[in-house]
Amino acid sequence: MRWMYGAAALTAACAMLHAQQTQVLDRVVAVVNNQAILESDVQNELHLSALDPERGRLRALSARRALQMLISRALIQQQIGQGTVPIPEPTPDELKARLQSMREQLPACVEANCKTDAGWAHFLEENGLTEAEVDEYLRQRLVLLRFIETRFRQGIQISQEQIAKYYNETLLPQYPKGETPPTLETVSPRIEEILLQQQVNALFSTWLSDLRKQGNVEVLDPALETSANGQGDQQ
């Protein structure tokens, strides 16, 4: 009987040690106004970069840049949480439409034939993604985009000439040879969104820089630190 109790105690102790080791592995790498960013958050950001339409023409996302994106997103989400600029949540229909657009227009998805259920399932499997992760990715980005548009878009106009130039010079070269790219009419809304983000970048960067100065942002992992203005390693 004592042996059984001893074995049970040893098993429990090993389980506790394993749990503690698991917790240590997922360490805090940065703190943004008392909000922790974990190493697993950085890894997840790298993981989800497969869904970034711009990634096709950029080198692989680095951990440093991923952390800076997470810090910026945390600052913005904290502002959204204050409710100074009311931002409605995307509806299921909006998320469904955005997902369909991604499956048809994301260059990596075109190559994988994501328009078909089999192609989409293969793309998810190849990139280690789940439907739930993609849905949450789209939801967060729609909310952030609405916030940026609401706060910074006023007075900014995107011309059809700018859209056509981006389509011909930036988007089309990303599609593999032999694949039929979407028409300009089909992707115009998405291109307008991208160009809008570029146009508001100056205003947004200034605002975000002020948020960083006013808040408390601390990077705890020296390997993930960037230059003082947070702009090191742009990719």
C-alpha atoms as a PDB file:
ATOM      1  CA  MET A   1       0.000   0.000   0.000  1.00  0.00           C
ATOM      2  CA  ARG A   2       2.843   2.388   0.859  1.00  0.00           C
ATOM      3  CA  TRP A   3       4.402   1.613  -2.499  1.00  0.00           C
ATOM      4  CA  MET A   4       1.133   2.563  -4.235  1.00  0.00           C
ATOM      5  CA  TYR A   5       0.960   5.848  -2.336  1.00  0.00           C
ATOM      6  CA  GLY A   6       4.592   6.532  -3.148  1.00  0.00           C
ATOM      7  CA  ALA A   7       4.050   5.861  -6.850  1.00  0.00           C
ATOM      8  CA  ALA A   8       0.995   8.093  -6.889  1.00  0.00           C
ATOM      9  CA  ALA A   9       2.903  10.896  -5.185  1.00  0.00           C
ATOM     10  CA  LEU A  10       5.788  10.525  -7.632  1.00  0.00           C
ATOM     11  CA  THR A  11       3.366  10.650 -10.576  1.00  0.00           C
ATOM     12  CA  ALA A  12       1.717  13.791  -9.207  1.00  0.00           C
ATOM     13  CA  ALA A  13       5.084  15.430  -8.617  1.00  0.00           C
ATOM     14  CA  CYS A  14       6.213  14.639 -12.158  1.00  0.00           C
ATOM     15  CA  ALA A  15       2.977  16.069 -13.534  1.00  0.00           C
ATOM     16  CA  MET A  16       3.476  19.296 -11.569  1.00  0.00           C
ATOM     17  CA  LEU A  17       7.087  19.554 -12.740  1.00  0.00           C
ATOM     18  CA  HIS A  18       5.987  19.039 -16.353  1.00  0.00           C
ATOM     19  CA  ALA A  19       3.352  21.756 -15.983  1.00  0.00           C
ATOM     20  CA  GLN A  20       5.905  24.149 -14.506  1.00  0.00           C
ATOM     21  CA  GLN A  21       8.373  23.423 -17.317  1.00  0.00           C
ATOM     22  CA  THR A  22       5.620  24.027 -19.887  1.00  0.00           C
ATOM     23  CA  GLN A  23       4.808  27.382 -18.309  1.00  0.00           C
ATOM     24  CA  VAL A  24       8.467  28.419 -18.281  1.00  0.00           C
ATOM     25  CA  LEU A  25       8.813  27.627 -21.964  1.00  0.00           C
ATOM     26  CA  ASP A  26       6.032  30.112 -22.838  1.00  0.00           C
ATOM     27  CA  ARG A  27       7.772  33.150 -21.387  1.00  0.00           C
ATOM     28  CA  VAL A  28       6.875  36.826 -21.452  1.00  0.00           C
ATOM     29  CA  VAL A  29       8.966  38.665 -24.066  1.00  0.00           C
ATOM     30  CA  ALA A  30       7.404  42.131 -23.791  1.00  0.00           C
ATOM     31  CA  VAL A  31       4.959  44.139 -21.695  1.00  0.00           C
ATOM     32  CA  VAL A  32       2.709  46.844 -23.141  1.00  0.00           C
ATOM     33  CA  ASN A  33       0.980  48.923 -20.455  1.00  0.00           C
ATOM     34  CA  ASN A  34       0.829  45.879 -18.144  1.00  0.00           C
ATOM     35  CA  GLN A  35      -0.342  43.621 -20.982  1.00  0.00           C
ATOM     36  CA  ALA A  36       2.025  40.691 -21.500  1.00  0.00           C
ATOM     37  CA  ILE A  37       3.145  39.486 -24.915  1.00  0.00           C
ATOM     38  CA  LEU A  38       4.303  35.880 -24.825  1.00  0.00           C
ATOM     39  CA  GLU A  39       6.873  34.059 -26.901  1.00  0.00           C
ATOM     40  CA  SER A  40       4.006  31.924 -28.192  1.00  0.00           C
ATOM     41  CA  ASP A  41       2.302  35.118 -29.437  1.00  0.00           C
ATOM     42  CA  VAL A  42       5.386  35.913 -31.510  1.00  0.00           C
ATOM     43  CA  GLN A  43       5.482  32.393 -32.891  1.00  0.00           C
ATOM     44  CA  ASN A  44       1.790  32.593 -33.719  1.00  0.00           C
ATOM     45  CA  GLU A  45       2.336  35.870 -35.564  1.00  0.00           C
ATOM     46  CA  LEU A  46       5.081  34.239 -37.638  1.00  0.00           C
ATOM     47  CA  HIS A  47       2.747  31.310 -38.228  1.00  0.00           C
ATOM     48  CA  LEU A  48      -0.086  33.540 -39.484  1.00  0.00           C
ATOM     49  CA  SER A  49       2.170  35.535 -41.823  1.00  0.00           C
ATOM     50  CA  ALA A  50       1.247  32.986 -44.514  1.00  0.00           C
ATOM     51  CA  LEU A  51      -2.075  34.881 -44.762  1.00  0.00           C
ATOM     52  CA  ASP A  52      -0.455  38.277 -45.392  1.00  0.00           C
ATOM     53  CA  PRO A  53      -1.052  39.322 -49.033  1.00  0.00           C
ATOM     54  CA  GLU A  54       2.063  41.496 -48.947  1.00  0.00           C
ATOM     55  CA  ARG A  55       4.345  38.689 -47.781  1.00  0.00           C
ATOM     56  CA  GLY A  56       4.815  37.346 -51.306  1.00  0.00           C
ATOM     57  CA  ARG A  57       7.095  40.238 -52.247  1.00  0.00           C
ATOM     58  CA  LEU A  58       8.884  40.508 -48.887  1.00  0.00           C
ATOM     59  CA  ARG A  59      11.407  38.265 -47.197  1.00  0.00           C
ATOM     60  CA  ALA A  60      10.217  35.985 -44.416  1.00  0.00           C
ATOM     61  CA  LEU A  61       8.835  37.787 -41.376  1.00  0.00           C
ATOM     62  CA  SER A  62      11.399  37.979 -38.585  1.00  0.00           C
ATOM     63  CA  ALA A  63      10.691  37.474 -34.888  1.00  0.00           C
ATOM     64  CA  ARG A  64      11.792  41.059 -34.179  1.00  0.00           C
ATOM     65  CA  ARG A  65       9.388  42.506 -36.704  1.00  0.00           C
ATOM     66  CA  ALA A  66       6.610  40.170 -35.523  1.00  0.00           C
ATOM     67  CA  LEU A  67       7.050  41.469 -31.972  1.00  0.00           C
ATOM     68  CA  GLN A  68       6.888  45.088 -33.126  1.00  0.00           C
ATOM     69  CA  MET A  69       3.647  44.295 -34.966  1.00  0.00           C
ATOM     70  CA  LEU A  70       2.239  42.715 -31.801  1.00  0.00           C
ATOM     71  CA  ILE A  71       3.255  45.733 -29.711  1.00  0.00           C
ATOM     72  CA  SER A  72       1.591  48.099 -32.166  1.00  0.00           C
ATOM     73  CA  ARG A  73      -1.537  45.959 -32.269  1.00  0.00           C
ATOM     74  CA  ALA A  74      -1.707  45.830 -28.470  1.00  0.00           C
ATOM     75  CA  LEU A  75      -1.491  49.632 -28.259  1.00  0.00           C
ATOM     76  CA  ILE A  76      -4.252  50.020 -30.841  1.00  0.00           C
ATOM     77  CA  GLN A  77      -6.475  47.414 -29.205  1.00  0.00           C
ATOM     78  CA  GLN A  78      -6.061  49.182 -25.878  1.00  0.00           C
ATOM     79  CA  GLN A  79      -7.261  52.398 -27.516  1.00  0.00           C
ATOM     80  CA  ILE A  80     -10.209  50.573 -29.073  1.00  0.00           C
ATOM     81  CA  GLY A  81     -11.025  49.107 -25.663  1.00  0.00           C
ATOM     82  CA  GLN A  82     -11.333  52.607 -24.218  1.00  0.00           C
ATOM     83  CA  GLY A  83     -14.301  53.150 -26.509  1.00  0.00           C
ATOM     84  CA  THR A  84     -13.343  56.662 -27.635  1.00  0.00           C
ATOM     85  CA  VAL A  85     -13.927  55.557 -31.242  1.00  0.00           C
ATOM     86  CA  PRO A  86     -16.794  52.993 -31.340  1.00  0.00           C
ATOM     87  CA  ILE A  87     -15.871  50.128 -33.660  1.00  0.00           C
ATOM     88  CA  PRO A  88     -18.549  47.533 -34.494  1.00  0.00           C
ATOM     89  CA  GLU A  89     -17.582  43.874 -34.652  1.00  0.00           C
ATOM     90  CA  PRO A  90     -17.641  42.295 -38.135  1.00  0.00           C
ATOM     91  CA  THR A  91     -20.783  40.311 -38.886  1.00  0.00           C
ATOM     92  CA  PRO A  92     -20.627  36.608 -39.851  1.00  0.00           C
ATOM     93  CA  ASP A  93     -21.498  37.586 -43.435  1.00  0.00           C
ATOM     94  CA  GLU A  94     -18.632  40.100 -43.551  1.00  0.00           C
ATOM     95  CA  LEU A  95     -16.187  37.503 -42.272  1.00  0.00           C
ATOM     96  CA  LYS A  96     -17.498  34.962 -44.761  1.00  0.00           C
ATOM     97  CA  ALA A  97     -17.057  37.437 -47.621  1.00  0.00           C
ATOM     98  CA  ARG A  98     -13.532  38.321 -46.502  1.00  0.00           C
ATOM     99  CA  LEU A  99     -12.628  34.642 -46.252  1.00  0.00           C
ATOM    100  CA  GLN A 100     -13.942  33.997 -49.746  1.00  0.00           C
ATOM    101  CA  SER A 101     -11.960  36.949 -51.049  1.00  0.00           C
ATOM    102  CA  MET A 102      -8.806  35.608 -49.423  1.00  0.00           C
ATOM    103  CA  ARG A 103      -9.305  32.155 -50.916  1.00  0.00           C
ATOM    104  CA  GLU A 104      -9.702  33.663 -54.390  1.00  0.00           C
ATOM    105  CA  GLN A 105      -7.102  36.437 -54.295  1.00  0.00           C
ATOM    106  CA  LEU A 106      -4.241  35.616 -51.913  1.00  0.00           C
ATOM    107  CA  PRO A 107      -1.340  34.747 -54.282  1.00  0.00           C
ATOM    108  CA  ALA A 108      -0.313  31.689 -52.275  1.00  0.00           C
ATOM    109  CA  CYS A 109      -3.940  30.570 -52.273  1.00  0.00           C
ATOM    110  CA  VAL A 110      -4.264  30.976 -56.027  1.00  0.00           C
ATOM    111  CA  GLU A 111      -1.288  28.676 -56.443  1.00  0.00           C
ATOM    112  CA  ALA A 112      -2.894  26.141 -54.082  1.00  0.00           C
ATOM    113  CA  ASN A 113      -6.293  26.460 -55.827  1.00  0.00           C
ATOM    114  CA  CYS A 114      -7.986  27.507 -52.582  1.00  0.00           C
ATOM    115  CA  LYS A 115     -11.213  28.248 -54.440  1.00  0.00           C
ATOM    116  CA  THR A 116     -11.923  24.537 -54.124  1.00  0.00           C
ATOM    117  CA  ASP A 117     -12.544  22.953 -50.733  1.00  0.00           C
ATOM    118  CA  ALA A 118      -9.772  20.435 -51.378  1.00  0.00           C
ATOM    119  CA  GLY A 119      -7.291  23.180 -52.301  1.00  0.00           C
ATOM    120  CA  TRP A 120      -8.213  25.241 -49.257  1.00  0.00           C
ATOM    121  CA  ALA A 121      -7.855  22.236 -46.946  1.00  0.00           C
ATOM    122  CA  HIS A 122      -4.438  21.517 -48.476  1.00  0.00           C
ATOM    123  CA  PHE A 123      -3.331  25.143 -47.997  1.00  0.00           C
ATOM    124  CA  LEU A 124      -4.371  25.072 -44.341  1.00  0.00           C
ATOM    125  CA  GLU A 125      -2.590  21.791 -43.762  1.00  0.00           C
ATOM    126  CA  GLU A 126       0.595  22.916 -45.519  1.00  0.00           C
ATOM    127  CA  ASN A 127       0.767  26.041 -43.366  1.00  0.00           C
ATOM    128  CA  GLY A 128      -0.353  24.381 -40.134  1.00  0.00           C
ATOM    129  CA  LEU A 129      -3.447  26.573 -39.882  1.00  0.00           C
ATOM    130  CA  THR A 130      -6.995  25.909 -38.718  1.00  0.00           C
ATOM    131  CA  GLU A 131     -10.280  27.469 -39.836  1.00  0.00           C
ATOM    132  CA  ALA A 132     -10.677  29.010 -36.362  1.00  0.00           C
ATOM    133  CA  GLU A 133      -7.248  30.677 -36.553  1.00  0.00           C
ATOM    134  CA  VAL A 134      -8.028  32.138 -39.971  1.00  0.00           C
ATOM    135  CA  ASP A 135     -11.421  33.438 -38.789  1.00  0.00           C
ATOM    136  CA  GLU A 136      -9.843  35.151 -35.771  1.00  0.00           C
ATOM    137  CA  TYR A 137      -7.064  36.583 -37.965  1.00  0.00           C
ATOM    138  CA  LEU A 138      -9.663  38.109 -40.287  1.00  0.00           C
ATOM    139  CA  ARG A 139     -11.816  39.380 -37.419  1.00  0.00           C
ATOM    140  CA  GLN A 140      -8.925  41.186 -35.725  1.00  0.00           C
ATOM    141  CA  ARG A 141      -7.742  42.796 -38.928  1.00  0.00           C
ATOM    142  CA  LEU A 142     -11.215  43.974 -39.896  1.00  0.00           C
ATOM    143  CA  VAL A 143     -11.607  45.624 -36.490  1.00  0.00           C
ATOM    144  CA  LEU A 144      -8.177  47.275 -36.714  1.00  0.00           C
ATOM    145  CA  LEU A 145      -8.822  48.426 -40.263  1.00  0.00           C
ATOM    146  CA  ARG A 146     -12.140  49.990 -39.272  1.00  0.00           C
ATOM    147  CA  PHE A 147     -10.482  51.811 -36.398  1.00  0.00           C
ATOM    148  CA  ILE A 148      -7.739  53.187 -38.644  1.00  0.00           C
ATOM    149  CA  GLU A 149     -10.231  54.198 -41.327  1.00  0.00           C
ATOM    150  CA  THR A 150     -12.524  55.876 -38.803  1.00  0.00           C
ATOM    151  CA  ARG A 151      -9.717  57.803 -37.150  1.00  0.00           C
ATOM    152  CA  PHE A 152      -7.428  58.648 -40.073  1.00  0.00           C
ATOM    153  CA  ARG A 153      -9.212  58.240 -43.385  1.00  0.00           C
ATOM    154  CA  GLN A 154     -11.001  61.571 -43.530  1.00  0.00           C
ATOM    155  CA  GLY A 155      -9.807  63.601 -46.510  1.00  0.00           C
ATOM    156  CA  ILE A 156      -7.845  60.758 -48.131  1.00  0.00           C
ATOM    157  CA  GLN A 157      -8.929  59.714 -51.617  1.00  0.00           C
ATOM    158  CA  ILE A 158      -7.599  56.774 -53.637  1.00  0.00           C
ATOM    159  CA  SER A 159      -7.813  57.269 -57.418  1.00  0.00           C
ATOM    160  CA  GLN A 160      -8.526  54.604 -60.021  1.00  0.00           C
ATOM    161  CA  GLU A 161      -5.123  55.387 -61.551  1.00  0.00           C
ATOM    162  CA  GLN A 162      -3.401  54.496 -58.264  1.00  0.00           C
ATOM    163  CA  ILE A 163      -5.367  51.243 -58.066  1.00  0.00           C
ATOM    164  CA  ALA A 164      -4.494  50.285 -61.651  1.00  0.00           C
ATOM    165  CA  LYS A 165      -0.801  51.043 -61.083  1.00  0.00           C
ATOM    166  CA  TYR A 166      -0.681  48.839 -57.980  1.00  0.00           C
ATOM    167  CA  TYR A 167      -2.501  46.060 -59.826  1.00  0.00           C
ATOM    168  CA  ASN A 168      -0.082  46.080 -62.785  1.00  0.00           C
ATOM    169  CA  GLU A 169       3.185  46.778 -61.000  1.00  0.00           C
ATOM    170  CA  THR A 170       2.767  45.085 -57.607  1.00  0.00           C
ATOM    171  CA  LEU A 171      -0.023  42.517 -57.587  1.00  0.00           C
ATOM    172  CA  LEU A 172       0.281  40.814 -60.981  1.00  0.00           C
ATOM    173  CA  PRO A 173       4.016  39.948 -60.617  1.00  0.00           C
ATOM    174  CA  GLN A 174       3.176  37.949 -57.483  1.00  0.00           C
ATOM    175  CA  TYR A 175       1.111  35.352 -59.355  1.00  0.00           C
ATOM    176  CA  PRO A 176       2.914  32.271 -60.666  1.00  0.00           C
ATOM    177  CA  LYS A 177       3.224  31.741 -64.405  1.00  0.00           C
ATOM    178  CA  GLY A 178       0.336  29.815 -65.850  1.00  0.00           C
ATOM    179  CA  GLU A 179      -2.068  30.946 -63.144  1.00  0.00           C
ATOM    180  CA  THR A 180      -4.894  33.284 -64.098  1.00  0.00           C
ATOM    181  CA  PRO A 181      -4.877  36.299 -61.764  1.00  0.00           C
ATOM    182  CA  PRO A 182      -8.133  37.952 -60.673  1.00  0.00           C
ATOM    183  CA  THR A 183      -9.387  40.844 -62.765  1.00  0.00           C
ATOM    184  CA  LEU A 184      -8.735  44.440 -61.766  1.00  0.00           C
ATOM    185  CA  GLU A 185     -12.451  44.924 -61.091  1.00  0.00           C
ATOM    186  CA  THR A 186     -12.482  41.966 -58.712  1.00  0.00           C
ATOM    187  CA  VAL A 187      -9.516  43.048 -56.596  1.00  0.00           C
ATOM    188  CA  SER A 188     -10.054  46.827 -56.728  1.00  0.00           C
ATOM    189  CA  PRO A 189     -11.645  46.978 -53.245  1.00  0.00           C
ATOM    190  CA  ARG A 190      -8.728  45.068 -51.737  1.00  0.00           C
ATOM    191  CA  ILE A 191      -6.160  47.231 -53.536  1.00  0.00           C
ATOM    192  CA  GLU A 192      -7.941  50.367 -52.376  1.00  0.00           C
ATOM    193  CA  GLU A 193      -7.699  49.023 -48.825  1.00  0.00           C
ATOM    194  CA  ILE A 194      -3.949  48.434 -49.201  1.00  0.00           C
ATOM    195  CA  LEU A 195      -3.343  51.871 -50.696  1.00  0.00           C
ATOM    196  CA  LEU A 196      -5.442  53.480 -48.017  1.00  0.00           C
ATOM    197  CA  GLN A 197      -3.277  51.843 -45.386  1.00  0.00           C
ATOM    198  CA  GLN A 198      -0.209  53.223 -47.123  1.00  0.00           C
ATOM    199  CA  GLN A 199      -1.704  56.724 -47.339  1.00  0.00           C
ATOM    200  CA  VAL A 200      -2.586  56.896 -43.662  1.00  0.00           C
ATOM    201  CA  ASN A 201       0.779  55.429 -42.656  1.00  0.00           C
ATOM    202  CA  ALA A 202       2.391  58.804 -41.942  1.00  0.00           C
ATOM    203  CA  LEU A 203      -0.483  59.960 -39.718  1.00  0.00           C
ATOM    204  CA  PHE A 204      -0.813  56.576 -38.106  1.00  0.00           C
ATOM    205  CA  SER A 205       2.929  56.238 -37.448  1.00  0.00           C
ATOM    206  CA  THR A 206       3.035  59.599 -35.700  1.00  0.00           C
ATOM    207  CA  TRP A 207       0.023  58.686 -33.572  1.00  0.00           C
ATOM    208  CA  LEU A 208       1.471  55.276 -32.731  1.00  0.00           C
ATOM    209  CA  SER A 209       4.846  56.807 -31.855  1.00  0.00           C
ATOM    210  CA  ASP A 210       3.066  59.147 -29.442  1.00  0.00           C
ATOM    211  CA  LEU A 211       1.259  56.171 -27.888  1.00  0.00           C
ATOM    212  CA  ARG A 212       4.597  54.444 -27.334  1.00  0.00           C
ATOM    213  CA  LYS A 213       6.043  57.550 -25.674  1.00  0.00           C
ATOM    214  CA  GLN A 214       3.014  58.052 -23.458  1.00  0.00           C
ATOM    215  CA  GLY A 215       2.689  54.390 -22.528  1.00  0.00           C
ATOM    216  CA  ASN A 216       4.982  51.839 -20.991  1.00  0.00           C
ATOM    217  CA  VAL A 217       6.464  49.444 -23.552  1.00  0.00           C
ATOM    218  CA  GLU A 218       9.224  47.146 -22.362  1.00  0.00           C
ATOM    219  CA  VAL A 219      10.912  44.418 -24.410  1.00  0.00           C
ATOM    220  CA  LEU A 220      12.248  41.787 -22.015  1.00  0.00           C
ATOM    221  CA  ASP A 221      14.110  39.639 -24.541  1.00  0.00           C
ATOM    222  CA  PRO A 222      17.326  41.343 -25.757  1.00  0.00           C
ATOM    223  CA  ALA A 223      17.287  39.185 -28.894  1.00  0.00           C
ATOM    224  CA  LEU A 224      14.008  40.809 -29.939  1.00  0.00           C
ATOM    225  CA  GLU A 225      14.998  44.409 -29.274  1.00  0.00           C
ATOM    226  CA  THR A 226      15.087  46.884 -32.169  1.00  0.00           C
ATOM    227  CA  SER A 227      16.366  50.420 -32.569  1.00  0.00           C
ATOM    228  CA  ALA A 228      15.111  53.091 -30.196  1.00  0.00           C
ATOM    229  CA  ASN A 229      12.308  54.166 -32.520  1.00  0.00           C
ATOM    230  CA  GLY A 230      11.079  50.613 -32.997  1.00  0.00           C
ATOM    231  CA  GLN A 231      11.730  50.665 -36.708  1.00  0.00           C
ATOM    232  CA  GLY A 232      14.589  48.183 -36.944  1.00  0.00           C
ATOM    233  CA  ASP A 233      14.108  45.118 -39.137  1.00  0.00           C
ATOM    234  CA  GLN A 234      11.164  46.257 -41.173  1.00  0.00           C
ATOM    235  CA  GLN A 235      10.434  42.854 -42.685  1.00  0.00           C
END
